[in-house]
Amino acid sequence: MKVRNKLMAFGELVQLKRKEKIKSNIKYFSTTTDIWTSRTMESFIAITIHALTDDFNMINMTLEVEPLQGKHTGIYNIEIVIEKSFHIWGIEKKT
């Protein structure tokens, strides 16, 4: 259990540092998504953002790799997952 707790704490620290980087360095961004199904028929979605800083350094970050339940259409799960991710990362107001 100690290893799990350490990994969770490390993950939260990484997420906090990434949020700070997004807040201080990114004004505009583009996003890409990828959806795939594993051999065991489990579906996943990955969300990545791409941006340039004011001094033209590239930033590429994978924000989420999440299980995707139900239909894979924009009206249903995809839009909901992307909006939730943008809210978590504090970029919903940048769109």
N, C-alpha and C. Protein backbone atom coordinates (compact mmCIF):
# COMPACT_ATOMS: atom_id res chain seq x y z
N MET A 1 0.81 -1.19 0.00
CA MET A 1 0.00 0.00 0.00
C MET A 1 0.86 1.26 0.00
N LYS A 2 2.02 1.20 0.60
CA LYS A 2 2.88 2.38 0.64
C LYS A 2 3.30 2.80 -0.76
N VAL A 3 3.62 1.84 -1.62
CA VAL A 3 4.05 2.17 -2.98
C VAL A 3 2.91 2.85 -3.73
N ARG A 4 1.71 2.33 -3.57
CA ARG A 4 0.55 2.93 -4.24
C ARG A 4 0.36 4.38 -3.78
N ASN A 5 0.46 4.61 -2.49
CA ASN A 5 0.29 5.96 -1.96
C ASN A 5 1.36 6.90 -2.50
N LYS A 6 2.59 6.41 -2.58
CA LYS A 6 3.67 7.23 -3.12
C LYS A 6 3.44 7.55 -4.59
N LEU A 7 2.98 6.56 -5.35
CA LEU A 7 2.69 6.79 -6.77
C LEU A 7 1.55 7.79 -6.95
N MET A 8 0.51 7.69 -6.13
CA MET A 8 -0.61 8.62 -6.21
C MET A 8 -0.14 10.04 -5.88
N ALA A 9 0.69 10.18 -4.84
CA ALA A 9 1.20 11.49 -4.46
C ALA A 9 2.08 12.06 -5.57
N PHE A 10 2.91 11.22 -6.18
CA PHE A 10 3.76 11.66 -7.28
C PHE A 10 2.91 12.10 -8.47
N GLY A 11 1.86 11.34 -8.78
CA GLY A 11 0.97 11.70 -9.88
C GLY A 11 0.29 13.03 -9.65
N GLU A 12 -0.13 13.29 -8.42
CA GLU A 12 -0.77 14.57 -8.09
C GLU A 12 0.23 15.72 -8.23
N LEU A 13 1.48 15.49 -7.84
CA LEU A 13 2.52 16.51 -7.98
C LEU A 13 2.78 16.83 -9.45
N VAL A 14 2.87 15.79 -10.28
CA VAL A 14 3.09 15.98 -11.71
C VAL A 14 1.93 16.76 -12.31
N GLN A 15 0.71 16.39 -11.94
CA GLN A 15 -0.47 17.10 -12.45
C GLN A 15 -0.45 18.57 -12.04
N LEU A 16 -0.09 18.85 -10.80
CA LEU A 16 -0.03 20.23 -10.32
C LEU A 16 1.01 21.03 -11.10
N LYS A 17 2.18 20.45 -11.34
CA LYS A 17 3.23 21.14 -12.10
C LYS A 17 2.79 21.39 -13.54
N ARG A 18 2.10 20.43 -14.13
CA ARG A 18 1.61 20.61 -15.50
C ARG A 18 0.54 21.70 -15.57
N LYS A 19 -0.34 21.74 -14.56
CA LYS A 19 -1.36 22.80 -14.52
C LYS A 19 -0.70 24.17 -14.42
N GLU A 20 0.35 24.28 -13.61
CA GLU A 20 1.07 25.55 -13.49
C GLU A 20 1.72 25.94 -14.81
N LYS A 21 2.28 24.96 -15.51
CA LYS A 21 2.91 25.23 -16.81
C LYS A 21 1.87 25.69 -17.82
N ILE A 22 0.72 25.05 -17.83
CA ILE A 22 -0.36 25.44 -18.74
C ILE A 22 -0.81 26.86 -18.42
N LYS A 23 -1.03 27.15 -17.14
CA LYS A 23 -1.55 28.45 -16.73
C LYS A 23 -0.57 29.58 -17.07
N SER A 24 0.72 29.33 -16.89
CA SER A 24 1.70 30.41 -17.07
C SER A 24 2.26 30.50 -18.49
N ASN A 25 2.17 29.45 -19.28
CA ASN A 25 2.84 29.45 -20.57
C ASN A 25 1.93 29.33 -21.79
N ILE A 26 0.69 28.93 -21.61
CA ILE A 26 -0.15 28.65 -22.77
C ILE A 26 -1.32 29.63 -22.84
N LYS A 27 -1.37 30.37 -23.94
CA LYS A 27 -2.51 31.25 -24.20
C LYS A 27 -3.49 30.58 -25.16
N TYR A 28 -2.95 29.94 -26.18
CA TYR A 28 -3.75 29.27 -27.21
C TYR A 28 -3.17 27.88 -27.43
N PHE A 29 -4.03 26.96 -27.78
CA PHE A 29 -3.58 25.59 -27.99
C PHE A 29 -4.47 24.89 -29.00
N SER A 30 -3.97 23.79 -29.48
CA SER A 30 -4.81 22.88 -30.26
C SER A 30 -4.80 21.55 -29.53
N THR A 31 -5.75 20.73 -29.85
CA THR A 31 -5.85 19.45 -29.16
C THR A 31 -6.04 18.33 -30.16
N THR A 32 -5.54 17.17 -29.80
CA THR A 32 -5.79 15.97 -30.60
C THR A 32 -6.33 14.90 -29.67
N THR A 33 -7.10 14.02 -30.24
CA THR A 33 -7.60 12.88 -29.48
C THR A 33 -7.38 11.62 -30.29
N ASP A 34 -7.31 10.53 -29.58
CA ASP A 34 -7.20 9.22 -30.22
C ASP A 34 -8.08 8.27 -29.42
N ILE A 35 -8.85 7.48 -30.11
CA ILE A 35 -9.70 6.48 -29.47
C ILE A 35 -9.34 5.12 -30.05
N TRP A 36 -9.19 4.15 -29.19
CA TRP A 36 -8.87 2.80 -29.66
C TRP A 36 -9.53 1.78 -28.75
N THR A 37 -9.62 0.57 -29.26
CA THR A 37 -10.18 -0.54 -28.51
C THR A 37 -9.10 -1.61 -28.37
N SER A 38 -8.94 -2.10 -27.14
CA SER A 38 -7.92 -3.12 -26.87
C SER A 38 -8.39 -4.47 -27.41
N ARG A 39 -7.51 -5.42 -27.33
CA ARG A 39 -7.87 -6.78 -27.78
C ARG A 39 -8.98 -7.39 -26.93
N THR A 40 -9.11 -6.90 -25.69
CA THR A 40 -10.16 -7.39 -24.81
C THR A 40 -11.44 -6.56 -24.92
N MET A 41 -11.51 -5.74 -25.98
CA MET A 41 -12.68 -4.92 -26.30
C MET A 41 -12.94 -3.80 -25.29
N GLU A 42 -11.89 -3.33 -24.62
CA GLU A 42 -12.00 -2.16 -23.76
C GLU A 42 -11.60 -0.94 -24.58
N SER A 43 -12.39 0.12 -24.51
CA SER A 43 -12.11 1.34 -25.28
C SER A 43 -11.44 2.38 -24.40
N PHE A 44 -10.55 3.16 -25.04
CA PHE A 44 -9.82 4.22 -24.35
C PHE A 44 -9.78 5.47 -25.21
N ILE A 45 -9.63 6.62 -24.56
CA ILE A 45 -9.46 7.89 -25.25
C ILE A 45 -8.23 8.58 -24.66
N ALA A 46 -7.41 9.15 -25.53
CA ALA A 46 -6.26 9.96 -25.11
C ALA A 46 -6.51 11.38 -25.60
N ILE A 47 -6.17 12.35 -24.75
CA ILE A 47 -6.33 13.77 -25.09
C ILE A 47 -4.98 14.44 -24.92
N THR A 48 -4.52 15.10 -25.98
CA THR A 48 -3.22 15.76 -25.99
C THR A 48 -3.41 17.21 -26.40
N ILE A 49 -2.66 18.13 -25.75
CA ILE A 49 -2.68 19.52 -26.19
C ILE A 49 -1.31 19.88 -26.77
N HIS A 50 -1.34 20.82 -27.71
CA HIS A 50 -0.15 21.29 -28.40
C HIS A 50 -0.19 22.81 -28.41
N ALA A 51 0.93 23.45 -28.07
CA ALA A 51 0.96 24.91 -28.00
C ALA A 51 2.37 25.42 -28.22
N LEU A 52 2.45 26.73 -28.44
CA LEU A 52 3.73 27.44 -28.48
C LEU A 52 3.74 28.47 -27.37
N THR A 53 4.88 28.61 -26.69
CA THR A 53 5.03 29.65 -25.69
C THR A 53 5.27 30.97 -26.42
N ASP A 54 5.32 32.07 -25.67
CA ASP A 54 5.59 33.38 -26.27
C ASP A 54 6.93 33.43 -26.98
N ASP A 55 7.89 32.62 -26.51
CA ASP A 55 9.20 32.59 -27.18
C ASP A 55 9.33 31.39 -28.12
N PHE A 56 8.19 30.87 -28.57
CA PHE A 56 8.09 29.85 -29.61
C PHE A 56 8.70 28.49 -29.23
N ASN A 57 8.66 28.15 -27.96
CA ASN A 57 9.00 26.79 -27.54
C ASN A 57 7.75 25.94 -27.61
N MET A 58 7.89 24.73 -28.17
CA MET A 58 6.74 23.84 -28.31
C MET A 58 6.42 23.16 -26.99
N ILE A 59 5.13 23.05 -26.72
CA ILE A 59 4.65 22.30 -25.57
C ILE A 59 3.66 21.27 -26.09
N ASN A 60 3.90 20.02 -25.77
CA ASN A 60 2.99 18.92 -26.10
C ASN A 60 2.78 18.12 -24.82
N MET A 61 1.53 17.96 -24.42
CA MET A 61 1.23 17.22 -23.20
C MET A 61 0.06 16.29 -23.41
N THR A 62 0.22 15.06 -22.98
CA THR A 62 -0.91 14.16 -22.91
C THR A 62 -1.60 14.42 -21.59
N LEU A 63 -2.84 14.87 -21.66
CA LEU A 63 -3.58 15.21 -20.46
C LEU A 63 -4.27 14.01 -19.84
N GLU A 64 -4.85 13.19 -20.67
CA GLU A 64 -5.64 12.07 -20.16
C GLU A 64 -5.48 10.85 -21.06
N VAL A 65 -5.51 9.70 -20.46
CA VAL A 65 -5.77 8.44 -21.13
C VAL A 65 -6.81 7.76 -20.24
N GLU A 66 -8.04 7.75 -20.71
CA GLU A 66 -9.16 7.32 -19.89
C GLU A 66 -9.94 6.20 -20.57
N PRO A 67 -10.53 5.30 -19.77
CA PRO A 67 -11.47 4.34 -20.36
C PRO A 67 -12.65 5.09 -20.95
N LEU A 68 -13.18 4.59 -22.03
CA LEU A 68 -14.32 5.22 -22.70
C LEU A 68 -15.46 4.21 -22.76
N GLN A 69 -16.54 4.52 -22.10
CA GLN A 69 -17.69 3.63 -22.04
C GLN A 69 -18.74 4.04 -23.07
N GLY A 70 -19.52 3.11 -23.51
CA GLY A 70 -20.65 3.42 -24.38
C GLY A 70 -20.25 3.73 -25.80
N LYS A 71 -21.13 4.47 -26.49
CA LYS A 71 -20.94 4.80 -27.90
C LYS A 71 -19.79 5.78 -28.08
N HIS A 72 -19.09 5.66 -29.19
CA HIS A 72 -17.96 6.53 -29.49
C HIS A 72 -18.39 7.60 -30.49
N THR A 73 -19.29 8.44 -30.08
CA THR A 73 -19.74 9.51 -30.95
C THR A 73 -19.56 10.85 -30.26
N GLY A 74 -19.46 11.90 -31.05
CA GLY A 74 -19.22 13.23 -30.51
C GLY A 74 -20.31 13.70 -29.58
N ILE A 75 -21.55 13.37 -29.88
CA ILE A 75 -22.67 13.85 -29.07
C ILE A 75 -22.68 13.17 -27.71
N TYR A 76 -22.19 11.96 -27.64
CA TYR A 76 -22.26 11.22 -26.39
C TYR A 76 -20.96 11.37 -25.61
N ASN A 77 -20.20 10.34 -25.53
CA ASN A 77 -19.06 10.27 -24.62
C ASN A 77 -17.89 11.16 -24.97
N ILE A 78 -17.56 11.32 -26.22
CA ILE A 78 -16.34 12.04 -26.58
C ILE A 78 -16.41 13.48 -26.10
N GLU A 79 -17.49 14.17 -26.39
CA GLU A 79 -17.64 15.56 -25.97
C GLU A 79 -17.60 15.69 -24.45
N ILE A 80 -18.26 14.80 -23.76
CA ILE A 80 -18.31 14.83 -22.29
C ILE A 80 -16.92 14.63 -21.70
N VAL A 81 -16.18 13.66 -22.21
CA VAL A 81 -14.84 13.37 -21.70
C VAL A 81 -13.89 14.55 -21.95
N ILE A 82 -13.97 15.14 -23.14
CA ILE A 82 -13.09 16.27 -23.46
C ILE A 82 -13.43 17.48 -22.59
N GLU A 83 -14.70 17.79 -22.43
CA GLU A 83 -15.10 18.92 -21.59
C GLU A 83 -14.66 18.70 -20.14
N LYS A 84 -14.82 17.49 -19.64
CA LYS A 84 -14.40 17.18 -18.27
C LYS A 84 -12.89 17.35 -18.12
N SER A 85 -12.14 16.87 -19.09
CA SER A 85 -10.68 16.99 -19.04
C SER A 85 -10.26 18.45 -19.09
N PHE A 86 -10.84 19.24 -19.98
CA PHE A 86 -10.52 20.67 -20.07
C PHE A 86 -10.82 21.38 -18.75
N HIS A 87 -11.91 21.00 -18.11
CA HIS A 87 -12.26 21.61 -16.82
C HIS A 87 -11.22 21.24 -15.76
N ILE A 88 -10.86 19.96 -15.68
CA ILE A 88 -9.87 19.50 -14.71
C ILE A 88 -8.55 20.24 -14.88
N TRP A 89 -8.15 20.45 -16.12
CA TRP A 89 -6.85 21.07 -16.41
C TRP A 89 -6.93 22.60 -16.45
N GLY A 90 -8.11 23.16 -16.30
CA GLY A 90 -8.26 24.61 -16.24
C GLY A 90 -8.10 25.30 -17.58
N ILE A 91 -8.44 24.60 -18.66
CA ILE A 91 -8.28 25.20 -19.99
C ILE A 91 -9.60 25.41 -20.70
N GLU A 92 -10.72 25.20 -20.01
CA GLU A 92 -12.02 25.38 -20.67
C GLU A 92 -12.24 26.82 -21.06
N LYS A 93 -11.65 27.77 -20.38
CA LYS A 93 -11.83 29.18 -20.70
C LYS A 93 -10.87 29.63 -21.79
N LYS A 94 -9.91 28.80 -22.17
CA LYS A 94 -8.94 29.15 -23.20
C LYS A 94 -9.44 28.75 -24.58
N THR A 95 -10.55 28.00 -24.66
CA THR A 95 -11.02 27.53 -25.95
C THR A 95 -11.82 28.57 -26.66
